[in-house]
Amino acid sequence: MEILLNGSTGAYNLDVHGPLKGRYVGTFVFRAYLTPLEYVACDREYRDLIGKIQTQVDPLADFLAFALVQLKYRIVSAPAFWFDKEVMGGGSVPDRIVLETLLEASSAVERKYKEDILEKHSEAIDKIKEQLDKDKKALYVEKELGAPAEPKK
């Protein structure tokens, strides 16, 4: 799955064939993460969709509610077919493969974003360690030789 990160968002080019309405094509841009308030709002809407007796929810309805609400909060921009004035984004798309693919893509954006952050942190830590080693060597040379390791300018 090819994801193109741009800051705290990621783009995915959808191209799937649904059994009911045919081919779906377009670029979706997702948030790489939800803020705490977005996460709570997302959970509240999910529970509202599946109803009060959550243990009696059909597994497919449970998945659809989860996917629709997650995508509602994660999608930043989408092709026109995704939006319907009367229905939650994606709620009028009859082919489940679209929801499944987009939910997977939004998860891939979050994973890739977190991996990139960890890689950047690791690189920064390595640079700091390298500089500390240089500083330690310079201090050792200065202490042992009584002169600065490098001439001061």
N, C-alpha and C. Protein backbone atom coordinates (compact mmCIF):
# COMPACT_ATOMS: atom_id res chain seq x y z
N MET A 1 0.85 -1.17 0.00
CA MET A 1 0.00 0.00 0.00
C MET A 1 0.90 1.24 0.00
N GLU A 2 0.77 2.05 -1.03
CA GLU A 2 1.64 3.21 -1.15
C GLU A 2 1.00 4.43 -0.49
N ILE A 3 1.71 4.96 0.49
CA ILE A 3 1.26 6.12 1.25
C ILE A 3 2.30 7.23 1.08
N LEU A 4 1.85 8.42 0.80
CA LEU A 4 2.74 9.57 0.67
C LEU A 4 2.46 10.52 1.83
N LEU A 5 3.43 10.59 2.77
CA LEU A 5 3.27 11.47 3.92
C LEU A 5 3.61 12.91 3.55
N ASN A 6 2.87 13.83 4.16
CA ASN A 6 3.13 15.26 4.01
C ASN A 6 2.82 15.90 5.35
N GLY A 7 3.84 16.04 6.18
CA GLY A 7 3.63 16.55 7.53
C GLY A 7 2.84 15.54 8.35
N SER A 8 1.72 15.98 8.89
CA SER A 8 0.92 15.08 9.73
C SER A 8 -0.30 14.52 8.98
N THR A 9 -0.19 14.48 7.66
CA THR A 9 -1.22 13.84 6.84
C THR A 9 -0.55 12.88 5.86
N GLY A 10 -1.36 12.00 5.31
CA GLY A 10 -0.84 11.06 4.32
C GLY A 10 -1.87 10.84 3.23
N ALA A 11 -1.40 10.73 2.00
CA ALA A 11 -2.28 10.54 0.85
C ALA A 11 -2.24 9.10 0.38
N TYR A 12 -3.40 8.64 -0.08
CA TYR A 12 -3.53 7.30 -0.63
C TYR A 12 -4.39 7.39 -1.88
N ASN A 13 -3.92 6.76 -2.96
CA ASN A 13 -4.69 6.73 -4.21
C ASN A 13 -5.51 5.45 -4.27
N LEU A 14 -6.80 5.60 -4.09
CA LEU A 14 -7.72 4.46 -4.11
C LEU A 14 -8.01 4.07 -5.55
N ASP A 15 -7.99 2.78 -5.81
CA ASP A 15 -8.40 2.24 -7.10
C ASP A 15 -8.87 0.82 -6.84
N VAL A 16 -10.16 0.68 -6.53
CA VAL A 16 -10.73 -0.64 -6.25
C VAL A 16 -12.00 -0.84 -7.06
N HIS A 17 -12.31 -2.10 -7.24
CA HIS A 17 -13.52 -2.46 -7.97
C HIS A 17 -14.50 -3.07 -6.97
N GLY A 18 -15.66 -2.45 -6.86
CA GLY A 18 -16.70 -2.98 -5.98
C GLY A 18 -17.70 -3.81 -6.77
N PRO A 19 -18.24 -4.85 -6.18
CA PRO A 19 -19.17 -5.71 -6.89
C PRO A 19 -20.52 -5.05 -7.22
N LEU A 20 -20.88 -4.00 -6.50
CA LEU A 20 -22.19 -3.38 -6.71
C LEU A 20 -22.16 -2.17 -7.63
N LYS A 21 -21.18 -1.30 -7.45
CA LYS A 21 -21.15 -0.04 -8.21
C LYS A 21 -19.93 0.10 -9.10
N GLY A 22 -19.10 -0.92 -9.18
CA GLY A 22 -17.96 -0.84 -10.09
C GLY A 22 -16.72 -0.22 -9.48
N ARG A 23 -16.01 0.52 -10.30
CA ARG A 23 -14.69 1.04 -9.94
C ARG A 23 -14.77 2.35 -9.16
N TYR A 24 -13.96 2.42 -8.10
CA TYR A 24 -13.83 3.62 -7.29
C TYR A 24 -12.39 4.10 -7.39
N VAL A 25 -12.21 5.34 -7.83
CA VAL A 25 -10.87 5.89 -8.02
C VAL A 25 -10.82 7.30 -7.43
N GLY A 26 -9.73 7.59 -6.75
CA GLY A 26 -9.55 8.94 -6.24
C GLY A 26 -8.52 8.99 -5.13
N THR A 27 -8.06 10.19 -4.84
CA THR A 27 -7.05 10.38 -3.80
C THR A 27 -7.73 10.79 -2.50
N PHE A 28 -7.36 10.08 -1.44
CA PHE A 28 -7.83 10.38 -0.08
C PHE A 28 -6.64 10.87 0.73
N VAL A 29 -6.86 11.90 1.52
CA VAL A 29 -5.83 12.40 2.43
C VAL A 29 -6.36 12.17 3.86
N PHE A 30 -5.51 11.53 4.67
CA PHE A 30 -5.88 11.16 6.03
C PHE A 30 -5.02 11.89 7.05
N ARG A 31 -5.61 12.14 8.22
CA ARG A 31 -4.82 12.60 9.37
C ARG A 31 -3.95 11.44 9.82
N ALA A 32 -2.76 11.74 10.27
CA ALA A 32 -1.86 10.68 10.74
C ALA A 32 -2.21 10.24 12.15
N TYR A 33 -2.99 11.04 12.86
CA TYR A 33 -3.39 10.67 14.22
C TYR A 33 -4.62 11.48 14.59
N LEU A 34 -5.30 11.04 15.63
CA LEU A 34 -6.42 11.78 16.19
C LEU A 34 -5.97 12.44 17.49
N THR A 35 -6.45 13.65 17.72
CA THR A 35 -6.19 14.29 19.01
C THR A 35 -7.03 13.56 20.07
N PRO A 36 -6.72 13.76 21.34
CA PRO A 36 -7.54 13.12 22.38
C PRO A 36 -9.03 13.45 22.25
N LEU A 37 -9.37 14.70 21.97
CA LEU A 37 -10.79 15.06 21.83
C LEU A 37 -11.43 14.41 20.61
N GLU A 38 -10.68 14.32 19.52
CA GLU A 38 -11.20 13.64 18.33
C GLU A 38 -11.43 12.16 18.61
N TYR A 39 -10.49 11.56 19.33
CA TYR A 39 -10.62 10.14 19.66
C TYR A 39 -11.88 9.90 20.50
N VAL A 40 -12.09 10.74 21.50
CA VAL A 40 -13.27 10.59 22.37
C VAL A 40 -14.55 10.81 21.57
N ALA A 41 -14.57 11.83 20.73
CA ALA A 41 -15.75 12.10 19.90
C ALA A 41 -16.02 10.94 18.95
N CYS A 42 -14.96 10.39 18.40
CA CYS A 42 -15.07 9.25 17.50
C CYS A 42 -15.69 8.06 18.23
N ASP A 43 -15.22 7.79 19.42
CA ASP A 43 -15.75 6.67 20.22
C ASP A 43 -17.22 6.91 20.56
N ARG A 44 -17.57 8.13 20.92
CA ARG A 44 -18.96 8.46 21.27
C ARG A 44 -19.87 8.22 20.07
N GLU A 45 -19.46 8.68 18.89
CA GLU A 45 -20.28 8.49 17.69
C GLU A 45 -20.40 7.02 17.32
N TYR A 46 -19.34 6.27 17.51
CA TYR A 46 -19.38 4.83 17.24
C TYR A 46 -20.43 4.17 18.13
N ARG A 47 -20.41 4.48 19.43
CA ARG A 47 -21.38 3.90 20.36
C ARG A 47 -22.80 4.34 20.03
N ASP A 48 -22.95 5.59 19.58
CA ASP A 48 -24.28 6.06 19.17
C ASP A 48 -24.79 5.28 17.96
N LEU A 49 -23.92 4.98 17.03
CA LEU A 49 -24.33 4.24 15.82
C LEU A 49 -24.74 2.80 16.12
N ILE A 50 -24.01 2.14 17.01
CA ILE A 50 -24.31 0.72 17.24
C ILE A 50 -25.40 0.51 18.28
N GLY A 51 -25.75 1.54 19.03
CA GLY A 51 -26.87 1.42 19.96
C GLY A 51 -26.45 1.10 21.37
N LYS A 52 -27.47 1.04 22.24
CA LYS A 52 -27.22 0.88 23.67
C LYS A 52 -26.80 -0.54 24.05
N ILE A 53 -27.33 -1.53 23.39
CA ILE A 53 -27.01 -2.92 23.75
C ILE A 53 -25.93 -3.42 22.79
N GLN A 54 -24.70 -3.05 23.09
CA GLN A 54 -23.60 -3.31 22.18
C GLN A 54 -23.27 -4.79 22.02
N THR A 55 -23.65 -5.60 22.98
CA THR A 55 -23.36 -7.03 22.89
C THR A 55 -24.24 -7.72 21.86
N GLN A 56 -25.31 -7.07 21.44
CA GLN A 56 -26.23 -7.70 20.48
C GLN A 56 -26.03 -7.18 19.05
N VAL A 57 -24.95 -6.46 18.83
CA VAL A 57 -24.71 -5.87 17.51
C VAL A 57 -24.18 -6.92 16.56
N ASP A 58 -24.74 -6.93 15.37
CA ASP A 58 -24.25 -7.79 14.29
C ASP A 58 -22.80 -7.43 13.99
N PRO A 59 -21.90 -8.42 13.81
CA PRO A 59 -20.49 -8.12 13.56
C PRO A 59 -20.25 -7.20 12.35
N LEU A 60 -21.05 -7.38 11.30
CA LEU A 60 -20.88 -6.52 10.13
C LEU A 60 -21.29 -5.08 10.47
N ALA A 61 -22.39 -4.90 11.17
CA ALA A 61 -22.83 -3.56 11.57
C ALA A 61 -21.79 -2.92 12.48
N ASP A 62 -21.21 -3.71 13.36
CA ASP A 62 -20.17 -3.22 14.26
C ASP A 62 -18.98 -2.70 13.45
N PHE A 63 -18.54 -3.50 12.49
CA PHE A 63 -17.41 -3.09 11.65
C PHE A 63 -17.75 -1.82 10.86
N LEU A 64 -18.93 -1.80 10.26
CA LEU A 64 -19.31 -0.65 9.44
C LEU A 64 -19.38 0.62 10.27
N ALA A 65 -19.94 0.53 11.47
CA ALA A 65 -20.01 1.69 12.35
C ALA A 65 -18.61 2.17 12.71
N PHE A 66 -17.75 1.23 13.07
CA PHE A 66 -16.37 1.58 13.42
C PHE A 66 -15.67 2.25 12.24
N ALA A 67 -15.76 1.63 11.06
CA ALA A 67 -15.07 2.15 9.88
C ALA A 67 -15.59 3.54 9.51
N LEU A 68 -16.90 3.71 9.48
CA LEU A 68 -17.47 5.01 9.09
C LEU A 68 -17.04 6.13 10.03
N VAL A 69 -17.07 5.85 11.32
CA VAL A 69 -16.72 6.91 12.27
C VAL A 69 -15.22 7.20 12.23
N GLN A 70 -14.40 6.16 12.16
CA GLN A 70 -12.96 6.38 12.05
C GLN A 70 -12.64 7.22 10.82
N LEU A 71 -13.23 6.85 9.70
CA LEU A 71 -12.95 7.57 8.46
C LEU A 71 -13.49 9.00 8.50
N LYS A 72 -14.62 9.19 9.17
CA LYS A 72 -15.17 10.54 9.31
C LYS A 72 -14.15 11.47 9.96
N TYR A 73 -13.46 10.98 10.98
CA TYR A 73 -12.51 11.82 11.71
C TYR A 73 -11.12 11.83 11.08
N ARG A 74 -10.78 10.83 10.29
CA ARG A 74 -9.43 10.73 9.74
C ARG A 74 -9.30 11.33 8.35
N ILE A 75 -10.37 11.33 7.56
CA ILE A 75 -10.27 11.84 6.19
C ILE A 75 -10.25 13.36 6.20
N VAL A 76 -9.23 13.91 5.56
CA VAL A 76 -9.08 15.36 5.42
C VAL A 76 -9.68 15.81 4.08
N SER A 77 -9.42 15.06 3.03
CA SER A 77 -10.02 15.35 1.73
C SER A 77 -10.26 14.04 0.99
N ALA A 78 -11.26 14.07 0.11
CA ALA A 78 -11.68 12.84 -0.58
C ALA A 78 -12.36 13.20 -1.90
N PRO A 79 -12.45 12.24 -2.79
CA PRO A 79 -13.18 12.47 -4.05
C PRO A 79 -14.67 12.70 -3.78
N ALA A 80 -15.34 13.26 -4.76
CA ALA A 80 -16.76 13.63 -4.62
C ALA A 80 -17.65 12.43 -4.27
N PHE A 81 -17.35 11.23 -4.77
CA PHE A 81 -18.23 10.10 -4.51
C PHE A 81 -18.32 9.77 -3.02
N TRP A 82 -17.34 10.21 -2.23
CA TRP A 82 -17.32 9.89 -0.80
C TRP A 82 -18.36 10.68 -0.02
N PHE A 83 -18.68 11.87 -0.50
CA PHE A 83 -19.55 12.77 0.25
C PHE A 83 -21.00 12.69 -0.22
N ASP A 84 -21.89 12.76 0.74
CA ASP A 84 -23.32 12.80 0.48
C ASP A 84 -23.90 13.73 1.54
N LYS A 85 -24.66 14.71 1.13
CA LYS A 85 -25.16 15.70 2.07
C LYS A 85 -26.04 15.09 3.16
N GLU A 86 -26.71 14.01 2.85
CA GLU A 86 -27.67 13.43 3.79
C GLU A 86 -27.05 12.35 4.68
N VAL A 87 -25.92 11.79 4.26
CA VAL A 87 -25.37 10.62 4.95
C VAL A 87 -23.92 10.90 5.34
N MET A 88 -23.49 10.31 6.48
CA MET A 88 -22.09 10.42 6.91
C MET A 88 -21.19 10.01 5.75
N GLY A 89 -20.06 10.70 5.58
CA GLY A 89 -19.12 10.38 4.51
C GLY A 89 -18.92 8.88 4.37
N GLY A 90 -19.10 8.38 3.18
CA GLY A 90 -18.94 6.96 2.93
C GLY A 90 -20.18 6.14 3.23
N GLY A 91 -21.14 6.71 3.93
CA GLY A 91 -22.33 5.97 4.32
C GLY A 91 -23.22 5.58 3.16
N SER A 92 -23.04 6.26 2.03
CA SER A 92 -23.85 5.91 0.87
C SER A 92 -23.08 5.06 -0.14
N VAL A 93 -21.84 4.72 0.17
CA VAL A 93 -21.05 3.86 -0.71
C VAL A 93 -21.45 2.41 -0.41
N PRO A 94 -22.08 1.73 -1.36
CA PRO A 94 -22.61 0.40 -1.08
C PRO A 94 -21.57 -0.74 -1.06
N ASP A 95 -20.39 -0.50 -1.61
CA ASP A 95 -19.38 -1.55 -1.68
C ASP A 95 -18.47 -1.50 -0.47
N ARG A 96 -18.58 -2.54 0.34
CA ARG A 96 -17.83 -2.62 1.60
C ARG A 96 -16.32 -2.61 1.38
N ILE A 97 -15.87 -3.08 0.23
CA ILE A 97 -14.43 -3.12 -0.03
C ILE A 97 -13.82 -1.72 0.01
N VAL A 98 -14.62 -0.71 -0.32
CA VAL A 98 -14.12 0.67 -0.26
C VAL A 98 -13.83 1.05 1.18
N LEU A 99 -14.77 0.77 2.09
CA LEU A 99 -14.55 1.07 3.50
C LEU A 99 -13.37 0.28 4.06
N GLU A 100 -13.30 -1.00 3.71
CA GLU A 100 -12.20 -1.84 4.21
C GLU A 100 -10.85 -1.30 3.74
N THR A 101 -10.77 -0.95 2.47
CA THR A 101 -9.51 -0.46 1.90
C THR A 101 -9.12 0.88 2.51
N LEU A 102 -10.09 1.76 2.67
CA LEU A 102 -9.79 3.08 3.23
C LEU A 102 -9.43 3.01 4.71
N LEU A 103 -10.07 2.12 5.45
CA LEU A 103 -9.71 1.96 6.86
C LEU A 103 -8.28 1.43 6.97
N GLU A 104 -7.94 0.49 6.11
CA GLU A 104 -6.57 -0.03 6.09
C GLU A 104 -5.58 1.07 5.71
N ALA A 105 -5.95 1.90 4.73
CA ALA A 105 -5.06 2.99 4.31
C ALA A 105 -4.87 4.02 5.43
N SER A 106 -5.94 4.34 6.15
CA SER A 106 -5.81 5.31 7.25
C SER A 106 -4.91 4.76 8.35
N SER A 107 -5.01 3.46 8.60
CA SER A 107 -4.12 2.82 9.58
C SER A 107 -2.68 2.83 9.09
N ALA A 108 -2.49 2.62 7.80
CA ALA A 108 -1.14 2.63 7.22
C ALA A 108 -0.52 4.03 7.33
N VAL A 109 -1.33 5.07 7.16
CA VAL A 109 -0.83 6.44 7.31
C VAL A 109 -0.34 6.65 8.74
N GLU A 110 -1.15 6.23 9.72
CA GLU A 110 -0.75 6.40 11.12
C GLU A 110 0.52 5.62 11.44
N ARG A 111 0.58 4.36 10.97
CA ARG A 111 1.79 3.55 11.21
C ARG A 111 3.03 4.19 10.60
N LYS A 112 2.91 4.60 9.35
CA LYS A 112 4.07 5.19 8.65
C LYS A 112 4.51 6.48 9.34
N TYR A 113 3.56 7.29 9.76
CA TYR A 113 3.88 8.54 10.46
C TYR A 113 4.65 8.24 11.74
N LYS A 114 4.16 7.28 12.52
CA LYS A 114 4.83 6.93 13.77
C LYS A 114 6.22 6.34 13.52
N GLU A 115 6.35 5.52 12.47
CA GLU A 115 7.66 4.96 12.13
C GLU A 115 8.63 6.07 11.75
N ASP A 116 8.15 7.04 10.96
CA ASP A 116 9.01 8.17 10.57
C ASP A 116 9.43 9.00 11.78
N ILE A 117 8.51 9.23 12.70
CA ILE A 117 8.84 9.98 13.92
C ILE A 117 9.90 9.23 14.72
N LEU A 118 9.71 7.92 14.89
CA LEU A 118 10.69 7.14 15.64
C LEU A 118 12.06 7.16 14.97
N GLU A 119 12.07 7.08 13.64
CA GLU A 119 13.33 7.12 12.90
C GLU A 119 14.02 8.47 13.10
N LYS A 120 13.25 9.56 13.04
CA LYS A 120 13.83 10.89 13.24
C LYS A 120 14.37 11.03 14.66
N HIS A 121 13.64 10.51 15.63
CA HIS A 121 14.11 10.56 17.02
C HIS A 121 15.41 9.77 17.17
N SER A 122 15.45 8.60 16.56
CA SER A 122 16.64 7.76 16.64
C SER A 122 17.84 8.46 16.01
N GLU A 123 17.63 9.10 14.85
CA GLU A 123 18.71 9.83 14.19
C GLU A 123 19.20 10.98 15.06
N ALA A 124 18.26 11.69 15.70
CA ALA A 124 18.63 12.81 16.57
C ALA A 124 19.44 12.32 17.77
N ILE A 125 19.03 11.20 18.35
CA ILE A 125 19.75 10.63 19.49
C ILE A 125 21.15 10.21 19.07
N ASP A 126 21.27 9.60 17.90
CA ASP A 126 22.60 9.20 17.39
C ASP A 126 23.51 10.42 17.20
N LYS A 127 22.97 11.52 16.68
CA LYS A 127 23.76 12.73 16.49
C LYS A 127 24.20 13.31 17.84
N ILE A 128 23.31 13.28 18.81
CA ILE A 128 23.65 13.78 20.15
C ILE A 128 24.75 12.93 20.76
N LYS A 129 24.61 11.60 20.64
CA LYS A 129 25.64 10.69 21.18
C LYS A 129 26.99 10.93 20.50
N GLU A 130 26.96 11.14 19.21
CA GLU A 130 28.19 11.39 18.45
C GLU A 130 28.86 12.68 18.94
N GLN A 131 28.06 13.72 19.13
CA GLN A 131 28.60 14.99 19.61
C GLN A 131 29.13 14.85 21.03
N LEU A 132 28.43 14.10 21.89
CA LEU A 132 28.91 13.87 23.25
C LEU A 132 30.25 13.14 23.25
N ASP A 133 30.39 12.14 22.38
CA ASP A 133 31.66 11.42 22.28
C ASP A 133 32.78 12.36 21.86
N LYS A 134 32.52 13.23 20.89
CA LYS A 134 33.53 14.21 20.46
C LYS A 134 33.91 15.13 21.61
N ASP A 135 32.89 15.59 22.35
CA ASP A 135 33.14 16.49 23.48
C ASP A 135 33.94 15.79 24.57
N LYS A 136 33.63 14.51 24.85
CA LYS A 136 34.38 13.75 25.85
C LYS A 136 35.85 13.61 25.45
N LYS A 137 36.07 13.29 24.18
CA LYS A 137 37.45 13.15 23.69
C LYS A 137 38.20 14.47 23.79
N ALA A 138 37.52 15.54 23.44
CA ALA A 138 38.15 16.87 23.51
C ALA A 138 38.50 17.21 24.95
N LEU A 139 37.60 16.91 25.88
CA LEU A 139 37.87 17.18 27.30
C LEU A 139 39.01 16.31 27.81
N TYR A 140 39.07 15.07 27.38
CA TYR A 140 40.14 14.16 27.80
C TYR A 140 41.49 14.67 27.31
N VAL A 141 41.55 15.06 26.03
CA VAL A 141 42.78 15.57 25.45
C VAL A 141 43.19 16.84 26.18
N GLU A 142 42.25 17.72 26.44
CA GLU A 142 42.55 18.97 27.13
C GLU A 142 43.07 18.70 28.53
N LYS A 143 42.45 17.75 29.21
CA LYS A 143 42.86 17.43 30.59
C LYS A 143 44.25 16.79 30.61
N GLU A 144 44.49 15.86 29.72
CA GLU A 144 45.75 15.13 29.70
C GLU A 144 46.91 15.97 29.16
N LEU A 145 46.64 16.76 28.15
CA LEU A 145 47.71 17.54 27.52
C LEU A 145 47.79 18.97 28.06
N GLY A 146 46.78 19.36 28.75
CA GLY A 146 46.76 20.70 29.30
C GLY A 146 46.52 21.78 28.27
N ALA A 147 46.09 21.37 27.11
CA ALA A 147 45.80 22.34 26.04
C ALA A 147 44.50 21.94 25.39
N PRO A 148 43.82 22.90 24.81
CA PRO A 148 42.57 22.57 24.10
C PRO A 148 42.87 21.60 22.95
N ALA A 149 41.95 20.67 22.72
CA ALA A 149 42.10 19.71 21.64
C ALA A 149 42.08 20.40 20.29
N GLU A 150 41.29 21.45 20.17
CA GLU A 150 41.20 22.22 18.94
C GLU A 150 41.49 23.67 19.26
N PRO A 151 42.23 24.33 18.41
CA PRO A 151 42.49 25.77 18.68
C PRO A 151 41.18 26.54 18.70
N LYS A 152 41.04 27.40 19.69
CA LYS A 152 39.85 28.22 19.79
C LYS A 152 39.98 29.42 18.88
N LYS A 153 38.87 29.79 18.27
CA LYS A 153 38.87 30.92 17.32
C LYS A 153 38.26 32.14 17.95
